[in-house]
Amino acid sequence: MTDLCAGFSPDFAGASVRPSPNHGERREGRKPDMLILHYTGMPSGEAALDWLCAEESQVSSHYFVHEDGRIVQMVPESRRAWHAGQSEWKGETDLNSASIGIEIANPGHAAGSPPFHEAQIEAVIGLCRDIVARHALLPERVLAHSDIAPMRKQDPGEAFPWERLHRAGIGHWVAPLPVGGGRFFQEGDAGQPVEALQTMLALYGYGVRVDGSYDAQTTAVIAAFQRHFRPERIDGIADASTIGTLHRLLTDLPPAV
């Protein structure tokens, strides 16, 4: 099969091109207004890049960042790459059509969550800055794969330096409240306070049922929230630190128009 995008010019000047056959049209002319960050979760970057460029994998991403900071573009930004999978944010479910995806070479949780390389993070920052500027992306629309698919995914994980990206002008962040004592909610709890918590999560964008039942889905969403915004402790329990940090993030959002 001939790839219609073979030999395309990179959208980011610092990228080389290795086309992946796994892409399609953005549905209904949807323009990307989200940026989703992933880790590869494979032992080596080269093996992960090979997989993303193999037709049988049926997965891809727009960009790939090697451990040493080299950036490869696999799919033009105008095209729909296949990186988000079954996911949801702000009630929208075709996030492949709504987003640009970046895969970062890192073996992930299965390998004990090794740190990302310095050159790699610098490259990610430069790439994200360029994408955010060209597409005028809102900070709160720069997300983790785990944010949009909390029941399935953990990447890029709590070792990813979201605060550092924020200091570089990428993404939404507030100082998390310190972990401590106080009232908390966990799986099996139910009632109006749980419903209020679910409402706050849904207002921020997470796909969670607002039914007052602290179930497995709510636990997974809280854990995803912690991975991104309160990485000191990832336990799926909505303690005072987690709830307070979520409230700070909501308060920090610009007024709805």
Protein backbone atom coordinates (compact mmCIF):
# COMPACT_ATOMS: atom_id res chain seq x y z
CA MET A 1 0.00 0.00 0.00
CA THR A 2 1.35 3.44 -0.93
CA ASP A 3 1.53 5.85 1.99
CA LEU A 4 0.07 9.18 0.92
CA CYS A 5 2.33 10.96 3.44
CA ALA A 6 5.64 9.32 2.51
CA GLY A 7 8.37 11.90 2.14
CA PHE A 8 6.49 14.76 3.83
CA SER A 9 8.32 17.80 5.21
CA PRO A 10 8.46 18.01 9.03
CA ASP A 11 6.21 20.51 10.79
CA PHE A 12 8.90 21.00 13.44
CA ALA A 13 12.19 22.22 11.99
CA GLY A 14 14.27 20.14 14.40
CA ALA A 15 12.75 16.81 13.40
CA SER A 16 13.83 14.19 10.94
CA VAL A 17 11.13 12.22 9.11
CA ARG A 18 10.36 8.51 9.23
CA PRO A 19 6.82 8.01 7.92
CA SER A 20 4.40 5.67 9.63
CA PRO A 21 1.60 4.18 7.53
CA ASN A 22 -0.77 4.37 10.50
CA HIS A 23 -2.80 7.55 10.10
CA GLY A 24 -5.99 8.94 8.55
CA GLU A 25 -8.06 12.06 8.05
CA ARG A 26 -9.01 14.15 11.07
CA ARG A 27 -12.75 13.64 11.28
CA GLU A 28 -15.06 16.45 10.20
CA GLY A 29 -12.09 18.72 9.57
CA ARG A 30 -11.22 18.82 13.27
CA LYS A 31 -8.24 21.01 14.05
CA PRO A 32 -5.87 19.83 16.80
CA ASP A 33 -6.31 21.72 20.05
CA MET A 34 -4.73 19.19 22.43
CA LEU A 35 -1.24 17.85 22.97
CA ILE A 36 -0.93 14.36 24.48
CA LEU A 37 2.34 13.07 25.93
CA HIS A 38 3.18 9.37 26.17
CA TYR A 39 6.06 7.13 27.08
CA THR A 40 6.79 4.16 24.84
CA GLY A 41 6.89 1.50 27.58
CA MET A 42 9.36 -0.61 25.57
CA PRO A 43 12.92 -1.65 26.44
CA SER A 44 14.57 0.40 23.68
CA GLY A 45 13.74 3.50 21.72
CA GLU A 46 14.66 1.94 18.40
CA ALA A 47 12.32 -1.01 18.96
CA ALA A 48 9.51 1.38 19.90
CA LEU A 49 10.05 3.51 16.80
CA ASP A 50 10.08 0.42 14.61
CA TRP A 51 6.75 -0.67 16.13
CA LEU A 52 5.13 2.73 15.63
CA CYS A 53 6.18 2.64 11.97
CA ALA A 54 5.01 -0.94 11.33
CA GLU A 55 1.67 -1.28 9.56
CA GLU A 56 0.72 -4.35 11.61
CA SER A 57 0.94 -2.40 14.89
CA GLN A 58 -1.98 -0.10 13.95
CA VAL A 59 -0.52 2.54 16.27
CA SER A 60 1.47 5.70 15.61
CA SER A 61 2.14 9.16 16.91
CA HIS A 62 3.07 12.45 15.32
CA TYR A 63 6.45 12.68 17.03
CA PHE A 64 8.99 10.42 18.71
CA VAL A 65 11.71 11.68 21.06
CA HIS A 66 14.77 9.45 21.48
CA GLU A 67 16.70 9.15 24.74
CA ASP A 68 19.45 11.40 23.35
CA GLY A 69 17.00 14.11 22.30
CA ARG A 70 16.70 13.31 18.59
CA ILE A 71 13.19 14.03 17.33
CA VAL A 72 11.48 12.04 14.60
CA GLN A 73 8.17 12.98 12.97
CA MET A 74 6.13 10.00 11.79
CA VAL A 75 2.80 11.59 10.84
CA PRO A 76 2.09 15.14 9.59
CA GLU A 77 0.25 17.26 12.14
CA SER A 78 -2.55 17.72 9.62
CA ARG A 79 -3.27 13.98 9.81
CA ARG A 80 -4.93 11.85 12.49
CA ALA A 81 -2.28 9.69 14.17
CA TRP A 82 -3.37 6.65 16.18
CA HIS A 83 -1.97 7.27 19.65
CA ALA A 84 -4.83 8.06 22.05
CA GLY A 85 -6.88 4.88 21.74
CA GLN A 86 -10.12 4.62 23.72
CA SER A 87 -10.08 7.87 25.64
CA GLU A 88 -12.12 10.86 26.78
CA TRP A 89 -11.61 14.48 27.76
CA LYS A 90 -14.27 17.14 28.31
CA GLY A 91 -16.87 14.72 26.93
CA GLU A 92 -15.02 14.26 23.64
CA THR A 93 -14.01 10.71 22.69
CA ASP A 94 -12.28 10.94 19.29
CA LEU A 95 -9.15 12.43 20.77
CA ASN A 96 -6.99 11.23 17.89
CA SER A 97 -8.80 13.77 15.70
CA ALA A 98 -8.44 16.48 18.37
CA SER A 99 -4.80 16.08 19.30
CA ILE A 100 -1.13 15.91 18.44
CA GLY A 101 0.72 13.01 20.07
CA ILE A 102 4.33 12.79 21.26
CA GLU A 103 5.91 9.45 22.19
CA ILE A 104 8.92 9.71 24.52
CA ALA A 105 11.33 6.77 24.63
CA ASN A 106 11.22 5.38 28.18
CA PRO A 107 10.54 1.81 29.37
CA GLY A 108 8.12 3.10 32.01
CA HIS A 109 6.56 1.50 35.05
CA ALA A 110 7.39 -2.06 33.98
CA ALA A 111 11.08 -1.15 34.29
CA GLY A 112 10.71 0.72 37.59
CA SER A 113 10.00 4.17 36.09
CA PRO A 114 13.58 5.20 35.23
CA PRO A 115 14.14 8.95 34.93
CA PHE A 116 13.88 10.66 31.58
CA HIS A 117 17.18 11.83 30.11
CA GLU A 118 18.14 15.49 30.35
CA ALA A 119 18.68 15.88 26.60
CA GLN A 120 15.34 14.19 26.03
CA ILE A 121 13.40 16.57 28.30
CA GLU A 122 15.09 19.58 26.71
CA ALA A 123 14.04 18.27 23.31
CA VAL A 124 10.46 17.66 24.52
CA ILE A 125 10.29 21.21 25.85
CA GLY A 126 11.49 22.69 22.55
CA LEU A 127 9.08 20.57 20.54
CA CYS A 128 6.11 21.30 22.81
CA ARG A 129 6.82 25.03 22.81
CA ASP A 130 6.77 25.04 19.03
CA ILE A 131 3.53 23.03 18.78
CA VAL A 132 1.79 25.08 21.49
CA ALA A 133 2.72 28.35 19.78
CA ARG A 134 1.77 27.28 16.25
CA HIS A 135 -1.61 25.87 17.29
CA ALA A 136 -2.33 28.36 20.11
CA LEU A 137 -2.97 25.50 22.54
CA LEU A 138 -4.35 26.31 25.98
CA PRO A 139 -2.14 25.18 28.89
CA GLU A 140 -4.88 22.94 30.28
CA ARG A 141 -5.06 21.11 26.94
CA VAL A 142 -1.53 19.68 27.35
CA LEU A 143 -2.22 16.29 28.92
CA ALA A 144 -0.88 12.88 29.82
CA HIS A 145 -2.08 9.70 28.15
CA SER A 146 -3.14 8.63 31.65
CA ASP A 147 -5.35 11.72 31.97
CA ILE A 148 -7.44 10.76 28.95
CA ALA A 149 -7.39 6.96 29.51
CA PRO A 150 -7.03 6.48 33.28
CA MET A 151 -8.43 2.95 33.36
CA ARG A 152 -5.87 1.74 30.80
CA LYS A 153 -2.76 3.89 30.91
CA GLN A 154 -0.15 5.25 33.32
CA ASP A 155 2.11 7.17 30.94
CA PRO A 156 4.13 9.28 30.88
CA GLY A 157 3.98 8.65 34.63
CA GLU A 158 4.79 10.40 37.87
CA ALA A 159 8.51 10.59 36.96
CA PHE A 160 7.70 12.97 34.10
CA PRO A 161 8.62 16.58 35.04
CA TRP A 162 5.33 18.38 34.47
CA GLU A 163 6.31 21.26 36.76
CA ARG A 164 9.46 21.85 34.72
CA LEU A 165 7.44 21.97 31.51
CA HIS A 166 5.10 24.48 33.11
CA ARG A 167 8.03 26.70 34.08
CA ALA A 168 9.02 26.57 30.41
CA GLY A 169 5.55 27.79 29.40
CA ILE A 170 3.96 24.41 28.65
CA GLY A 171 0.91 23.00 30.38
CA HIS A 172 -1.17 23.79 33.44
CA TRP A 173 0.28 23.44 36.93
CA VAL A 174 -0.20 24.76 40.45
CA ALA A 175 1.84 23.97 43.53
CA PRO A 176 0.31 20.81 45.02
CA LEU A 177 -0.84 20.92 48.60
CA PRO A 178 1.44 18.99 50.96
CA VAL A 179 0.53 15.39 51.70
CA GLY A 180 -0.77 15.10 55.24
CA GLY A 181 -3.67 13.96 57.36
CA GLY A 182 -7.29 14.95 57.30
CA ARG A 183 -10.46 13.56 55.81
CA PHE A 184 -10.21 11.39 52.71
CA PHE A 185 -12.37 9.35 50.33
CA GLN A 186 -11.53 6.00 48.80
CA GLU A 187 -13.03 3.13 46.86
CA GLY A 188 -16.27 1.91 48.45
CA ASP A 189 -17.31 5.31 49.79
CA ALA A 190 -20.49 6.94 48.54
CA GLY A 191 -22.61 10.01 48.99
CA GLN A 192 -22.83 13.69 48.19
CA PRO A 193 -19.19 14.53 49.02
CA VAL A 194 -18.04 11.88 46.53
CA GLU A 195 -20.44 13.29 43.94
CA ALA A 196 -18.98 16.76 44.53
CA LEU A 197 -15.47 15.39 44.00
CA GLN A 198 -16.53 13.66 40.77
CA THR A 199 -18.12 16.91 39.60
CA MET A 200 -14.83 18.76 40.15
CA LEU A 201 -12.91 16.10 38.21
CA ALA A 202 -15.43 16.25 35.34
CA LEU A 203 -15.27 20.06 35.29
CA TYR A 204 -11.52 19.87 34.82
CA GLY A 205 -12.02 17.42 31.97
CA TYR A 206 -11.68 13.87 33.27
CA GLY A 207 -14.07 11.23 32.00
CA VAL A 208 -15.73 10.11 35.22
CA ARG A 209 -19.31 9.22 36.11
CA VAL A 210 -20.89 11.69 38.51
CA ASP A 211 -23.00 9.32 40.58
CA GLY A 212 -21.71 9.62 44.14
CA SER A 213 -20.11 6.17 44.09
CA TYR A 214 -16.34 5.98 44.66
CA ASP A 215 -15.82 3.02 42.35
CA ALA A 216 -12.88 1.60 40.40
CA GLN A 217 -13.24 4.27 37.72
CA THR A 218 -13.07 7.11 40.24
CA THR A 219 -10.06 5.47 41.88
CA ALA A 220 -8.29 5.28 38.51
CA VAL A 221 -9.12 8.90 37.68
CA ILE A 222 -7.79 10.09 41.05
CA ALA A 223 -4.59 8.09 40.51
CA ALA A 224 -4.20 9.65 37.04
CA PHE A 225 -4.75 13.10 38.53
CA GLN A 226 -2.10 12.40 41.17
CA ARG A 227 0.40 11.20 38.56
CA HIS A 228 0.12 14.50 36.76
CA PHE A 229 -0.55 17.07 39.46
CA ARG A 230 0.36 15.57 42.89
CA PRO A 231 3.08 13.00 42.14
CA GLU A 232 4.37 12.65 45.70
CA ARG A 233 1.91 9.83 46.41
CA ILE A 234 -0.05 7.79 43.84
CA ASP A 235 -2.68 5.75 45.66
CA GLY A 236 -6.08 6.62 44.14
CA ILE A 237 -7.26 7.97 47.51
CA ALA A 238 -8.75 11.46 47.49
CA ASP A 239 -7.00 12.96 50.49
CA ALA A 240 -6.98 16.64 51.45
CA SER A 241 -3.86 17.27 49.35
CA THR A 242 -5.43 15.77 46.22
CA ILE A 243 -8.76 17.55 46.61
CA GLY A 244 -7.10 20.86 47.50
CA THR A 245 -4.78 20.67 44.50
CA LEU A 246 -7.73 19.94 42.21
CA HIS A 247 -9.57 22.95 43.64
CA ARG A 248 -6.51 25.15 43.04
CA LEU A 249 -6.32 24.00 39.41
CA LEU A 250 -10.00 24.72 38.80
CA THR A 251 -9.69 28.15 40.41
CA ASP A 252 -6.64 28.89 38.26
CA LEU A 253 -8.47 28.21 34.99
CA PRO A 254 -9.47 31.22 32.91
CA PRO A 255 -13.18 32.13 33.04
CA ALA A 256 -15.37 30.19 30.63
CA VAL A 257 -16.50 32.19 27.61
